Amino acid sequence: MIQFEHVSKEYEGKKVVSDLNFEIQQGEFFILVGPSGSGKTTLLKMINRLLEQTEGNIYLEGKNSKDYNTRQLRFNIGYVLQQIALFPNLTVLENIELIPEMKNWEKRKRREKAKELMKRVGLNPEKYANRYPRDLSGGEQQRVGILRAIIFNPKILLMDEPFSALDPISRNQLQDLIKKYIKNLE
């Protein structure tokens, strides 16, 4: 499903990723571990082409990532950033529904799915749906970001330290949700 062939990335002449080769199969849970600055975030950004590799090729479902329309590629990849990236002018519900709306999902369908997911992570839709990100704790914002990334059932889900700002209960709820999500993909 995802394959790196001799992938390298340089910033200002310094290699942060060097001759990387690996393959991730569909349904596989793949975790990158390394110290800060070792290239983990860079690698994730290269998969969805927020960054281009300096050398090598990245294949998604057997096709070179450079052969995909960038917008369409990103529409099919869920991405949870380490730093919370909600749109401050959108409500919680609007943030979660954003990609399904852009993909022309029927309003009723996206609203039902968003509210169902909110309930599963302890965000009561009646209480949280119309709030803005500034009215949420860091952990609540992170949950909304994760829901936005999975609501449209992407084939690829990239997560950059998604649970770092969460309390243990929220972390467990979201880990369970992600496990169920992955199981449903298989």
N, C-alpha and C. Protein backbone atom coordinates (compact mmCIF):
# COMPACT_ATOMS: atom_id res chain seq x y z
N MET A 1 0.82 -1.20 0.00
CA MET A 1 0.00 0.00 0.00
C MET A 1 0.86 1.26 0.00
N ILE A 2 1.85 1.35 0.90
CA ILE A 2 2.81 2.47 0.89
C ILE A 2 4.20 1.88 0.77
N GLN A 3 4.96 2.36 -0.19
CA GLN A 3 6.31 1.85 -0.38
C GLN A 3 7.28 3.00 -0.60
N PHE A 4 8.36 2.98 0.16
CA PHE A 4 9.45 3.94 -0.01
C PHE A 4 10.61 3.22 -0.68
N GLU A 5 11.12 3.79 -1.77
CA GLU A 5 12.28 3.24 -2.47
C GLU A 5 13.39 4.28 -2.51
N HIS A 6 14.42 4.06 -1.73
CA HIS A 6 15.60 4.93 -1.71
C HIS A 6 15.23 6.41 -1.53
N VAL A 7 14.34 6.67 -0.59
CA VAL A 7 13.85 8.04 -0.37
C VAL A 7 14.79 8.79 0.56
N SER A 8 15.15 9.99 0.13
CA SER A 8 15.97 10.90 0.94
C SER A 8 15.34 12.28 0.89
N LYS A 9 15.59 13.05 1.93
CA LYS A 9 15.13 14.44 1.99
C LYS A 9 16.22 15.28 2.60
N GLU A 10 16.53 16.38 1.93
CA GLU A 10 17.53 17.33 2.41
C GLU A 10 16.88 18.67 2.70
N TYR A 11 17.37 19.31 3.75
CA TYR A 11 17.04 20.70 4.06
C TYR A 11 18.36 21.45 4.11
N GLU A 12 18.49 22.45 3.26
CA GLU A 12 19.69 23.29 3.25
C GLU A 12 20.97 22.46 3.26
N GLY A 13 20.99 21.42 2.40
CA GLY A 13 22.18 20.59 2.27
C GLY A 13 22.36 19.52 3.33
N LYS A 14 21.48 19.46 4.32
CA LYS A 14 21.59 18.45 5.38
C LYS A 14 20.50 17.39 5.18
N LYS A 15 20.93 16.12 5.10
CA LYS A 15 19.97 15.02 4.93
C LYS A 15 19.29 14.73 6.26
N VAL A 16 17.96 14.81 6.26
CA VAL A 16 17.20 14.46 7.46
C VAL A 16 16.57 13.08 7.31
N VAL A 17 16.41 12.63 6.08
CA VAL A 17 15.98 11.27 5.77
C VAL A 17 16.95 10.78 4.71
N SER A 18 17.53 9.60 4.93
CA SER A 18 18.57 9.12 4.04
C SER A 18 18.30 7.70 3.55
N ASP A 19 18.13 7.55 2.25
CA ASP A 19 18.00 6.25 1.57
C ASP A 19 17.06 5.30 2.32
N LEU A 20 15.85 5.76 2.53
CA LEU A 20 14.85 5.00 3.28
C LEU A 20 14.12 4.02 2.36
N ASN A 21 14.05 2.76 2.79
CA ASN A 21 13.35 1.71 2.04
C ASN A 21 12.46 0.94 3.01
N PHE A 22 11.16 0.91 2.75
CA PHE A 22 10.25 0.09 3.54
C PHE A 22 8.92 -0.02 2.81
N GLU A 23 8.09 -0.93 3.30
CA GLU A 23 6.77 -1.15 2.74
C GLU A 23 5.77 -1.32 3.88
N ILE A 24 4.61 -0.69 3.74
CA ILE A 24 3.53 -0.84 4.71
C ILE A 24 2.35 -1.45 3.97
N GLN A 25 1.86 -2.57 4.46
CA GLN A 25 0.74 -3.26 3.83
C GLN A 25 -0.59 -2.68 4.31
N GLN A 26 -1.63 -2.89 3.53
CA GLN A 26 -2.97 -2.43 3.90
C GLN A 26 -3.37 -3.05 5.24
N GLY A 27 -3.92 -2.22 6.12
CA GLY A 27 -4.37 -2.68 7.43
C GLY A 27 -3.27 -2.77 8.46
N GLU A 28 -2.04 -2.53 8.04
CA GLU A 28 -0.91 -2.62 8.96
C GLU A 28 -0.80 -1.34 9.79
N PHE A 29 -0.52 -1.52 11.04
CA PHE A 29 -0.30 -0.41 11.97
C PHE A 29 1.20 -0.21 12.03
N PHE A 30 1.69 0.91 11.54
CA PHE A 30 3.13 1.17 11.41
C PHE A 30 3.49 2.36 12.27
N ILE A 31 4.43 2.18 13.17
CA ILE A 31 4.79 3.25 14.10
C ILE A 31 6.24 3.64 13.89
N LEU A 32 6.48 4.94 13.78
CA LEU A 32 7.84 5.47 13.68
C LEU A 32 8.28 5.94 15.06
N VAL A 33 9.45 5.50 15.46
CA VAL A 33 9.99 5.89 16.76
C VAL A 33 11.36 6.49 16.52
N GLY A 34 11.62 7.60 17.19
CA GLY A 34 12.93 8.23 17.07
C GLY A 34 12.94 9.53 17.82
N PRO A 35 14.13 10.05 18.05
CA PRO A 35 14.24 11.32 18.78
C PRO A 35 13.71 12.49 17.96
N SER A 36 13.47 13.58 18.65
CA SER A 36 13.05 14.81 17.99
C SER A 36 14.09 15.19 16.94
N GLY A 37 13.60 15.57 15.76
CA GLY A 37 14.51 15.97 14.69
C GLY A 37 15.04 14.83 13.84
N SER A 38 14.52 13.62 14.06
CA SER A 38 15.04 12.47 13.30
C SER A 38 14.34 12.25 11.96
N GLY A 39 13.33 13.07 11.64
CA GLY A 39 12.69 12.98 10.33
C GLY A 39 11.33 12.31 10.31
N LYS A 40 10.75 12.02 11.46
CA LYS A 40 9.45 11.34 11.51
C LYS A 40 8.35 12.18 10.85
N THR A 41 8.24 13.44 11.23
CA THR A 41 7.22 14.32 10.66
C THR A 41 7.50 14.56 9.18
N THR A 42 8.76 14.71 8.82
CA THR A 42 9.14 14.90 7.42
C THR A 42 8.66 13.72 6.58
N LEU A 43 8.85 12.51 7.09
CA LEU A 43 8.41 11.30 6.38
C LEU A 43 6.90 11.33 6.15
N LEU A 44 6.13 11.67 7.19
CA LEU A 44 4.67 11.73 7.04
C LEU A 44 4.27 12.78 6.01
N LYS A 45 4.92 13.92 6.05
CA LYS A 45 4.59 14.99 5.10
C LYS A 45 4.95 14.62 3.67
N MET A 46 5.95 13.76 3.48
CA MET A 46 6.29 13.32 2.13
C MET A 46 5.23 12.36 1.59
N ILE A 47 4.61 11.57 2.45
CA ILE A 47 3.58 10.63 1.99
C ILE A 47 2.41 11.39 1.36
N ASN A 48 1.96 12.47 1.99
CA ASN A 48 0.83 13.20 1.41
C ASN A 48 1.26 14.44 0.62
N ARG A 49 2.53 14.50 0.31
CA ARG A 49 3.13 15.52 -0.56
C ARG A 49 3.01 16.95 -0.03
N LEU A 50 2.99 17.09 1.28
CA LEU A 50 3.17 18.42 1.85
C LEU A 50 4.63 18.82 1.67
N LEU A 51 5.50 17.82 1.56
CA LEU A 51 6.91 18.00 1.22
C LEU A 51 7.25 17.01 0.10
N GLU A 52 8.15 17.41 -0.78
CA GLU A 52 8.62 16.50 -1.82
C GLU A 52 9.97 15.93 -1.40
N GLN A 53 10.17 14.66 -1.67
CA GLN A 53 11.44 14.03 -1.37
C GLN A 53 12.51 14.58 -2.32
N THR A 54 13.76 14.59 -1.85
CA THR A 54 14.88 15.05 -2.67
C THR A 54 15.29 13.95 -3.65
N GLU A 55 15.24 12.70 -3.19
CA GLU A 55 15.60 11.55 -4.02
C GLU A 55 14.63 10.41 -3.74
N GLY A 56 14.55 9.48 -4.70
CA GLY A 56 13.77 8.26 -4.51
C GLY A 56 12.31 8.41 -4.89
N ASN A 57 11.57 7.34 -4.66
CA ASN A 57 10.16 7.29 -5.04
C ASN A 57 9.31 6.78 -3.89
N ILE A 58 8.11 7.33 -3.81
CA ILE A 58 7.10 6.88 -2.85
C ILE A 58 5.91 6.38 -3.67
N TYR A 59 5.50 5.15 -3.38
CA TYR A 59 4.38 4.54 -4.09
C TYR A 59 3.20 4.35 -3.14
N LEU A 60 2.02 4.70 -3.62
CA LEU A 60 0.78 4.49 -2.88
C LEU A 60 -0.10 3.60 -3.75
N GLU A 61 -0.42 2.43 -3.23
CA GLU A 61 -1.19 1.44 -3.99
C GLU A 61 -0.54 1.15 -5.34
N GLY A 62 0.78 1.07 -5.36
CA GLY A 62 1.53 0.72 -6.56
C GLY A 62 1.77 1.85 -7.54
N LYS A 63 1.26 3.03 -7.25
CA LYS A 63 1.40 4.18 -8.15
C LYS A 63 2.29 5.23 -7.51
N ASN A 64 3.20 5.79 -8.28
CA ASN A 64 4.10 6.82 -7.77
C ASN A 64 3.27 7.99 -7.26
N SER A 65 3.57 8.44 -6.06
CA SER A 65 2.78 9.53 -5.45
C SER A 65 2.82 10.80 -6.30
N LYS A 66 3.88 10.99 -7.08
CA LYS A 66 3.98 12.18 -7.94
C LYS A 66 3.03 12.12 -9.13
N ASP A 67 2.49 10.93 -9.41
CA ASP A 67 1.55 10.78 -10.52
C ASP A 67 0.11 11.08 -10.11
N TYR A 68 -0.12 11.27 -8.82
CA TYR A 68 -1.46 11.61 -8.33
C TYR A 68 -1.67 13.12 -8.39
N ASN A 69 -2.90 13.53 -8.64
CA ASN A 69 -3.29 14.92 -8.45
C ASN A 69 -3.16 15.19 -6.95
N THR A 70 -2.43 16.22 -6.58
CA THR A 70 -2.13 16.48 -5.17
C THR A 70 -3.40 16.63 -4.34
N ARG A 71 -4.37 17.36 -4.84
CA ARG A 71 -5.62 17.56 -4.10
C ARG A 71 -6.35 16.23 -3.89
N GLN A 72 -6.45 15.43 -4.95
CA GLN A 72 -7.13 14.14 -4.83
C GLN A 72 -6.38 13.21 -3.90
N LEU A 73 -5.06 13.24 -3.96
CA LEU A 73 -4.24 12.43 -3.06
C LEU A 73 -4.56 12.77 -1.61
N ARG A 74 -4.55 14.05 -1.30
CA ARG A 74 -4.80 14.49 0.08
C ARG A 74 -6.24 14.24 0.52
N PHE A 75 -7.16 14.22 -0.43
CA PHE A 75 -8.56 13.92 -0.10
C PHE A 75 -8.74 12.47 0.35
N ASN A 76 -7.76 11.64 0.08
CA ASN A 76 -7.86 10.23 0.42
C ASN A 76 -6.91 9.81 1.53
N ILE A 77 -6.29 10.78 2.17
CA ILE A 77 -5.38 10.52 3.28
C ILE A 77 -5.84 11.34 4.48
N GLY A 78 -6.11 10.67 5.59
CA GLY A 78 -6.40 11.38 6.84
C GLY A 78 -5.09 11.75 7.50
N TYR A 79 -4.99 12.96 8.02
CA TYR A 79 -3.74 13.41 8.63
C TYR A 79 -4.04 14.16 9.91
N VAL A 80 -3.48 13.66 11.00
CA VAL A 80 -3.62 14.31 12.30
C VAL A 80 -2.27 14.91 12.63
N LEU A 81 -2.24 16.22 12.76
CA LEU A 81 -0.99 16.92 13.04
C LEU A 81 -0.65 16.89 14.52
N GLN A 82 0.64 16.97 14.80
CA GLN A 82 1.10 17.04 16.19
C GLN A 82 0.57 18.32 16.83
N GLN A 83 0.69 19.43 16.12
CA GLN A 83 0.13 20.68 16.61
C GLN A 83 -1.31 20.75 16.11
N ILE A 84 -2.20 21.11 16.97
CA ILE A 84 -3.62 21.11 16.65
C ILE A 84 -3.88 22.12 15.54
N ALA A 85 -4.61 21.70 14.51
CA ALA A 85 -4.81 22.56 13.34
C ALA A 85 -6.28 22.64 12.97
N LEU A 86 -7.09 23.14 13.88
CA LEU A 86 -8.50 23.33 13.59
C LEU A 86 -8.69 24.73 13.01
N PHE A 87 -9.73 24.88 12.22
CA PHE A 87 -10.04 26.20 11.67
C PHE A 87 -10.78 27.00 12.74
N PRO A 88 -10.22 28.12 13.20
CA PRO A 88 -10.81 28.86 14.32
C PRO A 88 -12.16 29.48 14.00
N ASN A 89 -12.45 29.70 12.71
CA ASN A 89 -13.71 30.32 12.31
C ASN A 89 -14.83 29.30 12.10
N LEU A 90 -14.52 28.01 12.26
CA LEU A 90 -15.52 26.96 12.10
C LEU A 90 -15.86 26.35 13.45
N THR A 91 -17.10 25.92 13.61
CA THR A 91 -17.50 25.24 14.84
C THR A 91 -16.88 23.85 14.87
N VAL A 92 -17.01 23.18 16.00
CA VAL A 92 -16.53 21.80 16.13
C VAL A 92 -17.15 20.93 15.03
N LEU A 93 -18.47 21.01 14.89
CA LEU A 93 -19.16 20.19 13.89
C LEU A 93 -18.67 20.52 12.48
N GLU A 94 -18.52 21.80 12.18
CA GLU A 94 -18.04 22.20 10.85
C GLU A 94 -16.62 21.73 10.59
N ASN A 95 -15.76 21.77 11.62
CA ASN A 95 -14.40 21.27 11.47
C ASN A 95 -14.40 19.78 11.15
N ILE A 96 -15.22 19.01 11.86
CA ILE A 96 -15.27 17.56 11.64
C ILE A 96 -15.85 17.24 10.26
N GLU A 97 -16.85 17.99 9.84
CA GLU A 97 -17.54 17.73 8.56
C GLU A 97 -16.81 18.29 7.34
N LEU A 98 -15.71 18.97 7.52
CA LEU A 98 -15.08 19.72 6.44
C LEU A 98 -14.77 18.87 5.20
N ILE A 99 -14.04 17.79 5.35
CA ILE A 99 -13.67 16.98 4.18
C ILE A 99 -14.89 16.30 3.56
N PRO A 100 -15.79 15.70 4.36
CA PRO A 100 -16.99 15.14 3.72
C PRO A 100 -17.79 16.20 2.94
N GLU A 101 -17.83 17.42 3.44
CA GLU A 101 -18.52 18.49 2.70
C GLU A 101 -17.80 18.77 1.39
N MET A 102 -16.47 18.83 1.44
CA MET A 102 -15.69 19.07 0.22
C MET A 102 -15.83 17.91 -0.77
N LYS A 103 -16.12 16.72 -0.24
CA LYS A 103 -16.32 15.54 -1.09
C LYS A 103 -17.78 15.38 -1.49
N ASN A 104 -18.59 16.40 -1.19
CA ASN A 104 -20.01 16.46 -1.58
C ASN A 104 -20.88 15.38 -0.94
N TRP A 105 -20.56 15.03 0.30
CA TRP A 105 -21.46 14.14 1.03
C TRP A 105 -22.75 14.88 1.32
N GLU A 106 -23.84 14.17 1.34
CA GLU A 106 -25.13 14.75 1.71
C GLU A 106 -25.02 15.28 3.15
N LYS A 107 -25.61 16.45 3.40
CA LYS A 107 -25.49 17.10 4.70
C LYS A 107 -25.95 16.19 5.84
N ARG A 108 -27.08 15.53 5.67
CA ARG A 108 -27.61 14.66 6.71
C ARG A 108 -26.63 13.53 7.05
N LYS A 109 -26.05 12.95 6.02
CA LYS A 109 -25.11 11.83 6.21
C LYS A 109 -23.87 12.29 6.99
N ARG A 110 -23.30 13.41 6.60
CA ARG A 110 -22.08 13.87 7.28
C ARG A 110 -22.37 14.32 8.70
N ARG A 111 -23.54 14.92 8.91
CA ARG A 111 -23.92 15.37 10.24
C ARG A 111 -24.11 14.18 11.18
N GLU A 112 -24.82 13.16 10.71
CA GLU A 112 -25.04 11.95 11.52
C GLU A 112 -23.71 11.29 11.88
N LYS A 113 -22.84 11.15 10.90
CA LYS A 113 -21.54 10.50 11.12
C LYS A 113 -20.71 11.31 12.11
N ALA A 114 -20.69 12.62 11.95
CA ALA A 114 -19.91 13.48 12.86
C ALA A 114 -20.42 13.36 14.29
N LYS A 115 -21.71 13.42 14.46
CA LYS A 115 -22.29 13.34 15.81
C LYS A 115 -22.06 11.97 16.44
N GLU A 116 -22.15 10.92 15.64
CA GLU A 116 -21.88 9.57 16.14
C GLU A 116 -20.43 9.47 16.64
N LEU A 117 -19.49 9.98 15.86
CA LEU A 117 -18.08 9.94 16.26
C LEU A 117 -17.84 10.79 17.50
N MET A 118 -18.47 11.95 17.58
CA MET A 118 -18.31 12.82 18.75
C MET A 118 -18.72 12.08 20.02
N LYS A 119 -19.85 11.39 19.96
CA LYS A 119 -20.33 10.64 21.13
C LYS A 119 -19.32 9.58 21.55
N ARG A 120 -18.69 8.93 20.56
CA ARG A 120 -17.76 7.83 20.86
C ARG A 120 -16.49 8.30 21.55
N VAL A 121 -16.19 9.60 21.48
CA VAL A 121 -14.98 10.11 22.15
C VAL A 121 -15.32 11.07 23.28
N GLY A 122 -16.56 11.01 23.76
CA GLY A 122 -16.93 11.80 24.93
C GLY A 122 -17.19 13.26 24.67
N LEU A 123 -17.49 13.62 23.43
CA LEU A 123 -17.86 15.01 23.11
C LEU A 123 -19.36 15.02 22.77
N ASN A 124 -20.18 15.29 23.75
CA ASN A 124 -21.63 15.32 23.57
C ASN A 124 -21.96 16.35 22.49
N PRO A 125 -22.56 15.92 21.37
CA PRO A 125 -22.86 16.86 20.29
C PRO A 125 -23.73 18.04 20.71
N GLU A 126 -24.67 17.81 21.64
CA GLU A 126 -25.53 18.91 22.08
C GLU A 126 -24.72 19.98 22.80
N LYS A 127 -23.66 19.58 23.44
CA LYS A 127 -22.83 20.50 24.20
C LYS A 127 -21.69 21.09 23.36
N TYR A 128 -21.14 20.30 22.43
CA TYR A 128 -19.91 20.70 21.74
C TYR A 128 -20.08 21.09 20.27
N ALA A 129 -21.12 20.67 19.61
CA ALA A 129 -21.24 20.86 18.16
C ALA A 129 -21.07 22.30 17.71
N ASN A 130 -21.64 23.24 18.45
CA ASN A 130 -21.62 24.64 18.03
C ASN A 130 -20.54 25.48 18.70
N ARG A 131 -19.66 24.83 19.42
CA ARG A 131 -18.54 25.55 20.03
C ARG A 131 -17.44 25.78 18.99
N TYR A 132 -16.60 26.75 19.29
CA TYR A 132 -15.45 27.04 18.44
C TYR A 132 -14.19 26.50 19.11
N PRO A 133 -13.14 26.24 18.33
CA PRO A 133 -11.91 25.68 18.91
C PRO A 133 -11.38 26.45 20.12
N ARG A 134 -11.53 27.76 20.12
CA ARG A 134 -11.01 28.56 21.25
C ARG A 134 -11.72 28.23 22.57
N ASP A 135 -12.91 27.62 22.46
CA ASP A 135 -13.70 27.26 23.65
C ASP A 135 -13.40 25.86 24.16
N LEU A 136 -12.44 25.17 23.55
CA LEU A 136 -12.12 23.79 23.90
C LEU A 136 -10.76 23.69 24.58
N SER A 137 -10.60 22.67 25.38
CA SER A 137 -9.27 22.38 25.95
C SER A 137 -8.40 21.80 24.83
N GLY A 138 -7.11 21.71 25.09
CA GLY A 138 -6.19 21.12 24.11
C GLY A 138 -6.56 19.70 23.76
N GLY A 139 -6.94 18.92 24.77
CA GLY A 139 -7.34 17.53 24.52
C GLY A 139 -8.61 17.43 23.70
N GLU A 140 -9.57 18.32 23.96
CA GLU A 140 -10.81 18.32 23.18
C GLU A 140 -10.52 18.71 21.73
N GLN A 141 -9.65 19.70 21.55
CA GLN A 141 -9.27 20.09 20.19
C GLN A 141 -8.61 18.93 19.45
N GLN A 142 -7.75 18.20 20.14
CA GLN A 142 -7.06 17.07 19.51
C GLN A 142 -8.06 15.99 19.10
N ARG A 143 -9.07 15.74 19.93
CA ARG A 143 -10.10 14.76 19.58
C ARG A 143 -10.84 15.18 18.32
N VAL A 144 -11.16 16.47 18.22
CA VAL A 144 -11.85 16.98 17.03
C VAL A 144 -10.96 16.79 15.80
N GLY A 145 -9.67 17.06 15.94
CA GLY A 145 -8.74 16.87 14.82
C GLY A 145 -8.68 15.42 14.36
N ILE A 146 -8.69 14.50 15.30
CA ILE A 146 -8.66 13.08 14.96
C ILE A 146 -9.97 12.67 14.27
N LEU A 147 -11.10 13.16 14.78
CA LEU A 147 -12.38 12.84 14.14
C LEU A 147 -12.43 13.39 12.72
N ARG A 148 -11.91 14.59 12.51
CA ARG A 148 -11.88 15.16 11.16
C ARG A 148 -11.06 14.28 10.22
N ALA A 149 -10.00 13.67 10.75
CA ALA A 149 -9.13 12.83 9.91
C ALA A 149 -9.74 11.49 9.56
N ILE A 150 -10.65 10.97 10.40
CA ILE A 150 -11.18 9.62 10.13
C ILE A 150 -12.62 9.60 9.62
N ILE A 151 -13.34 10.71 9.69
CA ILE A 151 -14.76 10.69 9.35
C ILE A 151 -15.02 10.21 7.93
N PHE A 152 -14.13 10.48 7.01
CA PHE A 152 -14.37 10.12 5.61
C PHE A 152 -13.76 8.77 5.22
N ASN A 153 -13.35 7.99 6.24
CA ASN A 153 -12.81 6.64 6.03
C ASN A 153 -11.65 6.60 5.04
N PRO A 154 -10.60 7.36 5.29
CA PRO A 154 -9.46 7.34 4.35
C PRO A 154 -8.77 5.98 4.36
N LYS A 155 -8.18 5.63 3.23
CA LYS A 155 -7.43 4.37 3.15
C LYS A 155 -6.11 4.47 3.91
N ILE A 156 -5.61 5.68 4.01
CA ILE A 156 -4.35 5.92 4.71
C ILE A 156 -4.62 6.94 5.81
N LEU A 157 -4.16 6.63 7.01
CA LEU A 157 -4.31 7.55 8.13
C LEU A 157 -2.92 7.83 8.70
N LEU A 158 -2.48 9.07 8.59
CA LEU A 158 -1.19 9.50 9.12
C LEU A 158 -1.44 10.26 10.42
N MET A 159 -0.70 9.88 11.45
CA MET A 159 -0.90 10.52 12.75
C MET A 159 0.46 10.90 13.32
N ASP A 160 0.63 12.17 13.61
CA ASP A 160 1.90 12.68 14.14
C ASP A 160 1.71 13.01 15.63
N GLU A 161 2.07 12.09 16.49
CA GLU A 161 1.93 12.21 17.94
C GLU A 161 0.52 12.69 18.33
N PRO A 162 -0.51 11.96 17.89
CA PRO A 162 -1.88 12.42 18.07
C PRO A 162 -2.40 12.40 19.49
N PHE A 163 -1.78 11.62 20.36
CA PHE A 163 -2.31 11.47 21.71
C PHE A 163 -1.51 12.24 22.75
N SER A 164 -0.54 13.02 22.32
CA SER A 164 0.37 13.67 23.28
C SER A 164 -0.31 14.66 24.21
N ALA A 165 -1.38 15.31 23.76
CA ALA A 165 -2.03 16.34 24.59
C ALA A 165 -3.24 15.81 25.35
N LEU A 166 -3.42 14.49 25.34
CA LEU A 166 -4.65 13.93 25.90
C LEU A 166 -4.46 13.35 27.29
N ASP A 167 -5.52 13.44 28.08
CA ASP A 167 -5.54 12.78 29.38
C ASP A 167 -5.72 11.28 29.14
N PRO A 168 -5.42 10.44 30.15
CA PRO A 168 -5.49 8.98 29.95
C PRO A 168 -6.84 8.45 29.48
N ILE A 169 -7.94 9.00 29.97
CA ILE A 169 -9.26 8.52 29.56
C ILE A 169 -9.52 8.83 28.09
N SER A 170 -9.25 10.07 27.70
CA SER A 170 -9.44 10.46 26.29
C SER A 170 -8.51 9.67 25.38
N ARG A 171 -7.28 9.47 25.83
CA ARG A 171 -6.30 8.70 25.05
C ARG A 171 -6.83 7.29 24.80
N ASN A 172 -7.35 6.64 25.84
CA ASN A 172 -7.88 5.28 25.68
C ASN A 172 -9.09 5.25 24.74
N GLN A 173 -9.99 6.24 24.87
CA GLN A 173 -11.16 6.30 23.99
C GLN A 173 -10.72 6.42 22.53
N LEU A 174 -9.76 7.30 22.27
CA LEU A 174 -9.32 7.50 20.89
C LEU A 174 -8.52 6.33 20.36
N GLN A 175 -7.70 5.71 21.21
CA GLN A 175 -6.96 4.54 20.77
C GLN A 175 -7.93 3.41 20.40
N ASP A 176 -8.98 3.23 21.20
CA ASP A 176 -10.00 2.22 20.87
C ASP A 176 -10.70 2.55 19.56
N LEU A 177 -11.03 3.83 19.36
CA LEU A 177 -11.68 4.26 18.12
C LEU A 177 -10.78 3.99 16.92
N ILE A 178 -9.50 4.30 17.03
CA ILE A 178 -8.55 4.07 15.94
C ILE A 178 -8.41 2.57 15.66
N LYS A 179 -8.33 1.76 16.71
CA LYS A 179 -8.23 0.30 16.52
C LYS A 179 -9.45 -0.22 15.77
N LYS A 180 -10.66 0.23 16.15
CA LYS A 180 -11.88 -0.19 15.46
C LYS A 180 -11.87 0.28 14.02
N TYR A 181 -11.40 1.49 13.81
CA TYR A 181 -11.31 2.05 12.46
C TYR A 181 -10.41 1.17 11.59
N ILE A 182 -9.25 0.81 12.11
CA ILE A 182 -8.30 -0.03 11.35
C ILE A 182 -8.90 -1.41 11.10
N LYS A 183 -9.56 -1.96 12.10
CA LYS A 183 -10.18 -3.29 11.94
C LYS A 183 -11.23 -3.26 10.83
N ASN A 184 -11.99 -2.17 10.74
CA ASN A 184 -13.01 -2.04 9.70
C ASN A 184 -12.41 -1.93 8.30
N LEU A 185 -11.17 -1.46 8.20
CA LEU A 185 -10.51 -1.35 6.90
C LEU A 185 -10.10 -2.72 6.36
N GLU A 186 -9.87 -3.66 7.26
CA GLU A 186 -9.36 -4.98 6.84
C GLU A 186 -10.41 -5.79 6.11
